[in-house]
Amino acid sequence: MTEDRRTRRTRRNLSDALVVLVLERGFSSLTVEDITERADVGRATFYSHFRDREDLFARVTADLLEELTERLQPVVSDSYVGFTGKPVLEMLRHARERRDVYRIVLRGEGDGKPLQTFTDTLARATADEFRDRADRNEVTPGSIPTCSPVSGSENRSPYCGGGRNRRNHPCRSRKWYGCSSTWDSTVATGPPASTRRPDHGATPPDSRQSDV
C-alpha cells in the first residue's frame, strides 16, 4: 500500500511538472531533465515509470479522459431518453477545474497527438452512446437527404429538402442547376409537396427575355 501511494505521488508530481513546464515553454523545448528537476525526482525514477516525455504526456491525457469519463457516466445515464445538456455542462465544469491540462492538450502541444487521442476517444464514446440509444429505442438512423440536379450536372448538394438551408441551395446559386427533388432512397422519395418552394424543380425564366 505504501509503495502504491509513493508511486501515485511520483507520477502525479511528474505530471504536474510537465503541465506547468509546457504552459511556460511549450512541449517541443522540454527535456526529461527539465521535468525531473521541476518534479524533484531522479532521472532513474522517471524512466522507471515512463519511456520518455511523450509517454508521460500520453499518461496525462489518458488520466484526463479517465476523469472525464467518470464524471460523465452518471449524467449520461440520467439523460438517456433525450438530450438534457447535462453531459455538456459537466464537461465544461471539468474543463474549468482542469483548465491547465485542457489548455496544453487542446492547443495541440506534442505534435497534436494528445489532442488527436482526446478527440478520437470522445468521438467514439459519443457514437457508441447514440448507437446504444438507437438500439434501446428501436430507432434506425436514416441517411442525409441529397439533391439530384435534373440538368445532368455532377453537382450534388445535401441542402435540398423543402426549405432546408435555402441560402446554400444550388437553385439559389449564380448558376442554375435545377433540382429533381429526389432524396436518398433510404430516407424518402422527395420532400412533401406542401413544403416545397413554388419554383422547386422548375425551369428558371430566361433573365434576358423581355417582361412585355
C-alpha atoms as a PDB file:
ATOM      1  CA  MET A   1       0.000   0.000   0.000  1.00  0.00           C
ATOM      2  CA  THR A   2       2.863   2.374   0.906  1.00  0.00           C
ATOM      3  CA  GLU A   3       4.573   1.643  -2.419  1.00  0.00           C
ATOM      4  CA  ASP A   4       1.331   2.322  -4.305  1.00  0.00           C
ATOM      5  CA  ARG A   5       0.928   5.704  -2.622  1.00  0.00           C
ATOM      6  CA  ARG A   6       4.549   6.561  -3.339  1.00  0.00           C
ATOM      7  CA  THR A   7       4.149   5.566  -6.976  1.00  0.00           C
ATOM      8  CA  ARG A   8       1.000   7.633  -7.379  1.00  0.00           C
ATOM      9  CA  ARG A   9       2.651  10.626  -5.743  1.00  0.00           C
ATOM     10  CA  THR A  10       5.696  10.377  -8.000  1.00  0.00           C
ATOM     11  CA  ARG A  11       3.604  10.112 -11.146  1.00  0.00           C
ATOM     12  CA  ARG A  12       1.416  13.000 -10.044  1.00  0.00           C
ATOM     13  CA  ASN A  13       4.484  15.159  -9.397  1.00  0.00           C
ATOM     14  CA  LEU A  14       5.893  14.326 -12.819  1.00  0.00           C
ATOM     15  CA  SER A  15       2.541  15.019 -14.487  1.00  0.00           C
ATOM     16  CA  ASP A  16       2.152  18.332 -12.694  1.00  0.00           C
ATOM     17  CA  ALA A  17       5.689  19.311 -13.644  1.00  0.00           C
ATOM     18  CA  LEU A  18       5.010  18.523 -17.302  1.00  0.00           C
ATOM     19  CA  VAL A  19       1.832  20.605 -17.374  1.00  0.00           C
ATOM     20  CA  VAL A  20       3.461  23.636 -15.762  1.00  0.00           C
ATOM     21  CA  LEU A  21       6.535  23.488 -17.994  1.00  0.00           C
ATOM     22  CA  VAL A  22       4.501  23.083 -21.198  1.00  0.00           C
ATOM     23  CA  LEU A  23       2.490  26.153 -20.279  1.00  0.00           C
ATOM     24  CA  GLU A  24       5.707  28.064 -19.611  1.00  0.00           C
ATOM     25  CA  ARG A  25       7.894  26.936 -22.512  1.00  0.00           C
ATOM     26  CA  GLY A  26       5.960  24.686 -24.844  1.00  0.00           C
ATOM     27  CA  PHE A  27       6.420  20.941 -25.173  1.00  0.00           C
ATOM     28  CA  SER A  28       8.939  20.966 -28.021  1.00  0.00           C
ATOM     29  CA  SER A  29      11.630  22.704 -25.952  1.00  0.00           C
ATOM     30  CA  LEU A  30      11.322  20.454 -22.893  1.00  0.00           C
ATOM     31  CA  THR A  31      13.747  17.748 -21.879  1.00  0.00           C
ATOM     32  CA  VAL A  32      13.416  14.912 -19.396  1.00  0.00           C
ATOM     33  CA  GLU A  33      15.946  16.737 -17.217  1.00  0.00           C
ATOM     34  CA  ASP A  34      13.679  19.786 -17.093  1.00  0.00           C
ATOM     35  CA  ILE A  35      10.765  17.658 -15.941  1.00  0.00           C
ATOM     36  CA  THR A  36      12.675  15.698 -13.309  1.00  0.00           C
ATOM     37  CA  GLU A  37      14.239  18.851 -11.930  1.00  0.00           C
ATOM     38  CA  ARG A  38      10.859  20.558 -11.574  1.00  0.00           C
ATOM     39  CA  ALA A  39       9.304  17.420 -10.034  1.00  0.00           C
ATOM     40  CA  ASP A  40      12.348  16.932  -7.779  1.00  0.00           C
ATOM     41  CA  VAL A  41      12.894  13.298  -8.769  1.00  0.00           C
ATOM     42  CA  GLY A  42      15.854  11.498 -10.300  1.00  0.00           C
ATOM     43  CA  ARG A  43      16.173  10.507 -13.956  1.00  0.00           C
ATOM     44  CA  ALA A  44      16.232   6.838 -12.958  1.00  0.00           C
ATOM     45  CA  THR A  45      12.919   7.319 -11.167  1.00  0.00           C
ATOM     46  CA  PHE A  46      11.435   8.971 -14.247  1.00  0.00           C
ATOM     47  CA  TYR A  47      12.463   6.113 -16.528  1.00  0.00           C
ATOM     48  CA  SER A  48      11.096   3.549 -14.091  1.00  0.00           C
ATOM     49  CA  HIS A  49       7.636   4.993 -14.809  1.00  0.00           C
ATOM     50  CA  PHE A  50       7.787   6.392 -18.361  1.00  0.00           C
ATOM     51  CA  ARG A  51       9.738   5.690 -21.538  1.00  0.00           C
ATOM     52  CA  ASP A  52      10.130   9.360 -22.470  1.00  0.00           C
ATOM     53  CA  ARG A  53       8.393  12.728 -22.227  1.00  0.00           C
ATOM     54  CA  GLU A  54       5.872  11.705 -24.913  1.00  0.00           C
ATOM     55  CA  ASP A  55       4.883   8.706 -22.835  1.00  0.00           C
ATOM     56  CA  LEU A  56       4.353  10.999 -19.840  1.00  0.00           C
ATOM     57  CA  PHE A  57       2.178  13.356 -21.915  1.00  0.00           C
ATOM     58  CA  ALA A  58       0.152  10.390 -23.129  1.00  0.00           C
ATOM     59  CA  ARG A  59      -0.393   9.353 -19.498  1.00  0.00           C
ATOM     60  CA  VAL A  60      -1.538  12.879 -18.605  1.00  0.00           C
ATOM     61  CA  THR A  61      -4.046  12.780 -21.474  1.00  0.00           C
ATOM     62  CA  ALA A  62      -5.283   9.312 -20.518  1.00  0.00           C
ATOM     63  CA  ASP A  63      -5.788  10.420 -16.908  1.00  0.00           C
ATOM     64  CA  LEU A  64      -7.766  13.439 -18.109  1.00  0.00           C
ATOM     65  CA  LEU A  65     -10.019  11.240 -20.223  1.00  0.00           C
ATOM     66  CA  GLU A  66     -10.481   8.767 -17.380  1.00  0.00           C
ATOM     67  CA  GLU A  67     -11.525  11.559 -15.026  1.00  0.00           C
ATOM     68  CA  LEU A  68     -13.916  12.970 -17.616  1.00  0.00           C
ATOM     69  CA  THR A  69     -15.477   9.565 -18.262  1.00  0.00           C
ATOM     70  CA  GLU A  70     -16.115   9.055 -14.559  1.00  0.00           C
ATOM     71  CA  ARG A  71     -17.726  12.490 -14.352  1.00  0.00           C
ATOM     72  CA  LEU A  72     -19.926  11.912 -17.394  1.00  0.00           C
ATOM     73  CA  GLN A  73     -21.204   8.411 -16.664  1.00  0.00           C
ATOM     74  CA  PRO A  74     -23.890   9.366 -14.121  1.00  0.00           C
ATOM     75  CA  VAL A  75     -25.219  12.352 -16.093  1.00  0.00           C
ATOM     76  CA  VAL A  76     -25.257  10.440 -19.381  1.00  0.00           C
ATOM     77  CA  SER A  77     -27.219   7.615 -17.751  1.00  0.00           C
ATOM     78  CA  ASP A  78     -29.595  10.182 -16.257  1.00  0.00           C
ATOM     79  CA  SER A  79     -30.331  11.690 -19.678  1.00  0.00           C
ATOM     80  CA  TYR A  80     -30.603   8.535 -21.789  1.00  0.00           C
ATOM     81  CA  VAL A  81     -34.104   9.375 -23.047  1.00  0.00           C
ATOM     82  CA  GLY A  82     -33.222  12.685 -24.684  1.00  0.00           C
ATOM     83  CA  PHE A  83     -30.701  15.493 -24.754  1.00  0.00           C
ATOM     84  CA  THR A  84     -30.693  17.449 -21.490  1.00  0.00           C
ATOM     85  CA  GLY A  85     -27.417  19.322 -21.832  1.00  0.00           C
ATOM     86  CA  LYS A  86     -26.149  17.867 -18.547  1.00  0.00           C
ATOM     87  CA  PRO A  87     -23.197  15.978 -20.122  1.00  0.00           C
ATOM     88  CA  VAL A  88     -22.014  19.147 -21.864  1.00  0.00           C
ATOM     89  CA  LEU A  89     -22.362  21.147 -18.656  1.00  0.00           C
ATOM     90  CA  GLU A  90     -20.400  18.526 -16.713  1.00  0.00           C
ATOM     91  CA  MET A  91     -17.658  18.539 -19.331  1.00  0.00           C
ATOM     92  CA  LEU A  92     -17.386  22.326 -19.081  1.00  0.00           C
ATOM     93  CA  ARG A  93     -17.147  22.064 -15.304  1.00  0.00           C
ATOM     94  CA  HIS A  94     -14.375  19.518 -15.650  1.00  0.00           C
ATOM     95  CA  ALA A  95     -12.556  21.772 -18.113  1.00  0.00           C
ATOM     96  CA  ARG A  96     -12.782  24.646 -15.645  1.00  0.00           C
ATOM     97  CA  GLU A  97     -11.348  22.534 -12.834  1.00  0.00           C
ATOM     98  CA  ARG A  98      -8.585  21.057 -15.006  1.00  0.00           C
ATOM     99  CA  ARG A  99      -8.074  24.070 -17.231  1.00  0.00           C
ATOM    100  CA  ASP A 100      -4.274  23.826 -17.391  1.00  0.00           C
ATOM    101  CA  VAL A 101      -4.314  20.260 -18.690  1.00  0.00           C
ATOM    102  CA  TYR A 102      -7.069  21.100 -21.174  1.00  0.00           C
ATOM    103  CA  ARG A 103      -5.030  24.053 -22.388  1.00  0.00           C
ATOM    104  CA  ILE A 104      -1.938  22.043 -23.264  1.00  0.00           C
ATOM    105  CA  VAL A 105      -3.986  19.274 -24.873  1.00  0.00           C
ATOM    106  CA  LEU A 106      -6.410  21.403 -26.869  1.00  0.00           C
ATOM    107  CA  ARG A 107      -3.778  23.761 -28.235  1.00  0.00           C
ATOM    108  CA  GLY A 108      -2.030  20.805 -29.879  1.00  0.00           C
ATOM    109  CA  GLU A 109       1.166  20.500 -27.861  1.00  0.00           C
ATOM    110  CA  GLY A 110       3.225  17.382 -28.502  1.00  0.00           C
ATOM    111  CA  ASP A 111       2.693  17.429 -32.288  1.00  0.00           C
ATOM    112  CA  GLY A 112      -1.058  17.248 -31.736  1.00  0.00           C
ATOM    113  CA  LYS A 113      -1.009  13.592 -30.710  1.00  0.00           C
ATOM    114  CA  PRO A 114      -2.635  14.129 -27.287  1.00  0.00           C
ATOM    115  CA  LEU A 115      -5.318  16.261 -28.954  1.00  0.00           C
ATOM    116  CA  GLN A 116      -5.948  13.536 -31.519  1.00  0.00           C
ATOM    117  CA  THR A 117      -6.263  10.961 -28.765  1.00  0.00           C
ATOM    118  CA  PHE A 118      -8.655  13.215 -26.851  1.00  0.00           C
ATOM    119  CA  THR A 119     -10.953  13.942 -29.800  1.00  0.00           C
ATOM    120  CA  ASP A 120     -10.917  10.366 -31.120  1.00  0.00           C
ATOM    121  CA  THR A 121     -11.820   8.963 -27.707  1.00  0.00           C
ATOM    122  CA  LEU A 122     -14.701  11.404 -27.241  1.00  0.00           C
ATOM    123  CA  ALA A 123     -15.943  10.788 -30.785  1.00  0.00           C
ATOM    124  CA  ARG A 124     -16.003   7.023 -30.247  1.00  0.00           C
ATOM    125  CA  ALA A 125     -17.745   7.394 -26.892  1.00  0.00           C
ATOM    126  CA  THR A 126     -20.372   9.703 -28.401  1.00  0.00           C
ATOM    127  CA  ALA A 127     -21.002   7.378 -31.345  1.00  0.00           C
ATOM    128  CA  ASP A 128     -21.338   4.388 -29.006  1.00  0.00           C
ATOM    129  CA  GLU A 129     -23.800   6.265 -26.812  1.00  0.00           C
ATOM    130  CA  PHE A 130     -26.011   7.297 -29.746  1.00  0.00           C
ATOM    131  CA  ARG A 131     -25.857   3.761 -31.120  1.00  0.00           C
ATOM    132  CA  ASP A 132     -26.937   2.351 -27.761  1.00  0.00           C
ATOM    133  CA  ARG A 133     -29.786   4.853 -27.536  1.00  0.00           C
ATOM    134  CA  ALA A 134     -30.942   3.959 -31.035  1.00  0.00           C
ATOM    135  CA  ASP A 135     -30.944   0.272 -30.106  1.00  0.00           C
ATOM    136  CA  ARG A 136     -32.822   0.888 -26.852  1.00  0.00           C
ATOM    137  CA  ASN A 137     -35.476   2.935 -28.625  1.00  0.00           C
ATOM    138  CA  GLU A 138     -35.562   0.643 -31.682  1.00  0.00           C
ATOM    139  CA  VAL A 139     -34.671   3.507 -33.977  1.00  0.00           C
ATOM    140  CA  THR A 140     -32.804   3.087 -37.239  1.00  0.00           C
ATOM    141  CA  PRO A 141     -30.736   6.160 -38.156  1.00  0.00           C
ATOM    142  CA  GLY A 142     -31.519   7.427 -41.649  1.00  0.00           C
ATOM    143  CA  SER A 143     -29.285   8.875 -44.337  1.00  0.00           C
ATOM    144  CA  ILE A 144     -28.699  12.522 -45.155  1.00  0.00           C
ATOM    145  CA  PRO A 145     -31.053  13.734 -47.914  1.00  0.00           C
ATOM    146  CA  THR A 146     -29.360  14.770 -51.126  1.00  0.00           C
ATOM    147  CA  CYS A 147     -30.382  16.799 -54.137  1.00  0.00           C
ATOM    148  CA  SER A 148     -30.076  15.362 -57.667  1.00  0.00           C
ATOM    149  CA  PRO A 149     -29.790  18.065 -60.356  1.00  0.00           C
ATOM    150  CA  VAL A 150     -32.028  17.345 -63.353  1.00  0.00           C
ATOM    151  CA  SER A 151     -29.597  19.018 -65.729  1.00  0.00           C
ATOM    152  CA  GLY A 152     -27.250  16.052 -65.636  1.00  0.00           C
ATOM    153  CA  SER A 153     -24.639  18.045 -63.783  1.00  0.00           C
ATOM    154  CA  GLU A 154     -22.337  16.129 -61.475  1.00  0.00           C
ATOM    155  CA  ASN A 155     -23.102  18.582 -58.703  1.00  0.00           C
ATOM    156  CA  ARG A 156     -24.985  17.053 -55.787  1.00  0.00           C
ATOM    157  CA  SER A 157     -25.985  19.011 -52.737  1.00  0.00           C
ATOM    158  CA  PRO A 158     -27.122  17.984 -49.240  1.00  0.00           C
ATOM    159  CA  TYR A 159     -29.076  21.224 -48.930  1.00  0.00           C
ATOM    160  CA  CYS A 160     -32.230  20.368 -50.886  1.00  0.00           C
ATOM    161  CA  GLY A 161     -35.241  19.498 -48.785  1.00  0.00           C
ATOM    162  CA  GLY A 162     -38.223  21.755 -48.669  1.00  0.00           C
ATOM    163  CA  GLY A 163     -36.620  24.899 -47.330  1.00  0.00           C
ATOM    164  CA  ARG A 164     -33.596  23.333 -45.587  1.00  0.00           C
ATOM    165  CA  ASN A 165     -30.711  25.809 -45.744  1.00  0.00           C
ATOM    166  CA  ARG A 166     -32.116  27.612 -48.764  1.00  0.00           C
ATOM    167  CA  ARG A 167     -29.273  30.089 -48.802  1.00  0.00           C
ATOM    168  CA  ASN A 168     -26.966  27.244 -49.870  1.00  0.00           C
ATOM    169  CA  HIS A 169     -29.386  25.510 -52.198  1.00  0.00           C
ATOM    170  CA  PRO A 170     -27.924  25.113 -55.711  1.00  0.00           C
ATOM    171  CA  CYS A 171     -31.164  26.528 -57.168  1.00  0.00           C
ATOM    172  CA  ARG A 172     -30.302  29.845 -55.500  1.00  0.00           C
ATOM    173  CA  SER A 173     -26.697  29.937 -56.659  1.00  0.00           C
ATOM    174  CA  ARG A 174     -25.439  32.026 -59.573  1.00  0.00           C
ATOM    175  CA  LYS A 175     -25.549  29.072 -61.948  1.00  0.00           C
ATOM    176  CA  TRP A 176     -28.890  27.317 -62.246  1.00  0.00           C
ATOM    177  CA  TYR A 177     -28.614  23.588 -61.768  1.00  0.00           C
ATOM    178  CA  GLY A 178     -32.249  22.697 -61.268  1.00  0.00           C
ATOM    179  CA  CYS A 179     -33.449  20.110 -58.801  1.00  0.00           C
ATOM    180  CA  SER A 180     -35.404  16.913 -59.225  1.00  0.00           C
ATOM    181  CA  SER A 181     -36.321  16.860 -55.506  1.00  0.00           C
ATOM    182  CA  THR A 182     -35.004  13.328 -55.311  1.00  0.00           C
ATOM    183  CA  TRP A 183     -33.832  12.327 -51.846  1.00  0.00           C
ATOM    184  CA  ASP A 184     -31.715   9.386 -50.903  1.00  0.00           C
ATOM    185  CA  SER A 185     -33.886   6.308 -51.371  1.00  0.00           C
ATOM    186  CA  THR A 186     -33.239   5.168 -47.798  1.00  0.00           C
ATOM    187  CA  VAL A 187     -34.953   8.282 -46.498  1.00  0.00           C
ATOM    188  CA  ALA A 188     -37.794   9.235 -48.829  1.00  0.00           C
ATOM    189  CA  THR A 189     -38.693   9.744 -52.480  1.00  0.00           C
ATOM    190  CA  GLY A 190     -38.795  13.508 -52.049  1.00  0.00           C
ATOM    191  CA  PRO A 191     -39.822  16.345 -49.760  1.00  0.00           C
ATOM    192  CA  PRO A 192     -43.561  16.777 -49.152  1.00  0.00           C
ATOM    193  CA  ALA A 193     -45.222  18.946 -51.773  1.00  0.00           C
ATOM    194  CA  SER A 194     -46.569  21.245 -49.075  1.00  0.00           C
ATOM    195  CA  THR A 195     -43.013  22.141 -48.003  1.00  0.00           C
ATOM    196  CA  ARG A 196     -41.543  22.758 -51.448  1.00  0.00           C
ATOM    197  CA  ARG A 197     -40.825  26.189 -52.828  1.00  0.00           C
ATOM    198  CA  PRO A 198     -43.147  27.171 -55.700  1.00  0.00           C
ATOM    199  CA  ASP A 199     -40.245  27.108 -58.164  1.00  0.00           C
ATOM    200  CA  HIS A 200     -38.664  23.962 -56.701  1.00  0.00           C
ATOM    201  CA  GLY A 201     -37.561  21.854 -59.673  1.00  0.00           C
ATOM    202  CA  ALA A 202     -38.985  24.274 -62.211  1.00  0.00           C
ATOM    203  CA  THR A 203     -37.129  25.690 -65.183  1.00  0.00           C
ATOM    204  CA  PRO A 204     -35.980  29.244 -64.433  1.00  0.00           C
ATOM    205  CA  PRO A 205     -37.207  32.047 -66.635  1.00  0.00           C
ATOM    206  CA  ASP A 206     -34.751  33.425 -69.159  1.00  0.00           C
ATOM    207  CA  SER A 207     -33.348  36.530 -67.482  1.00  0.00           C
ATOM    208  CA  ARG A 208     -32.704  38.056 -70.942  1.00  0.00           C
ATOM    209  CA  GLN A 209     -36.304  37.690 -72.015  1.00  0.00           C
ATOM    210  CA  SER A 210     -38.472  40.809 -72.030  1.00  0.00           C
ATOM    211  CA  ASP A 211     -41.223  41.121 -69.448  1.00  0.00           C
ATOM    212  CA  VAL A 212     -43.570  42.503 -72.103  1.00  0.00           C
END
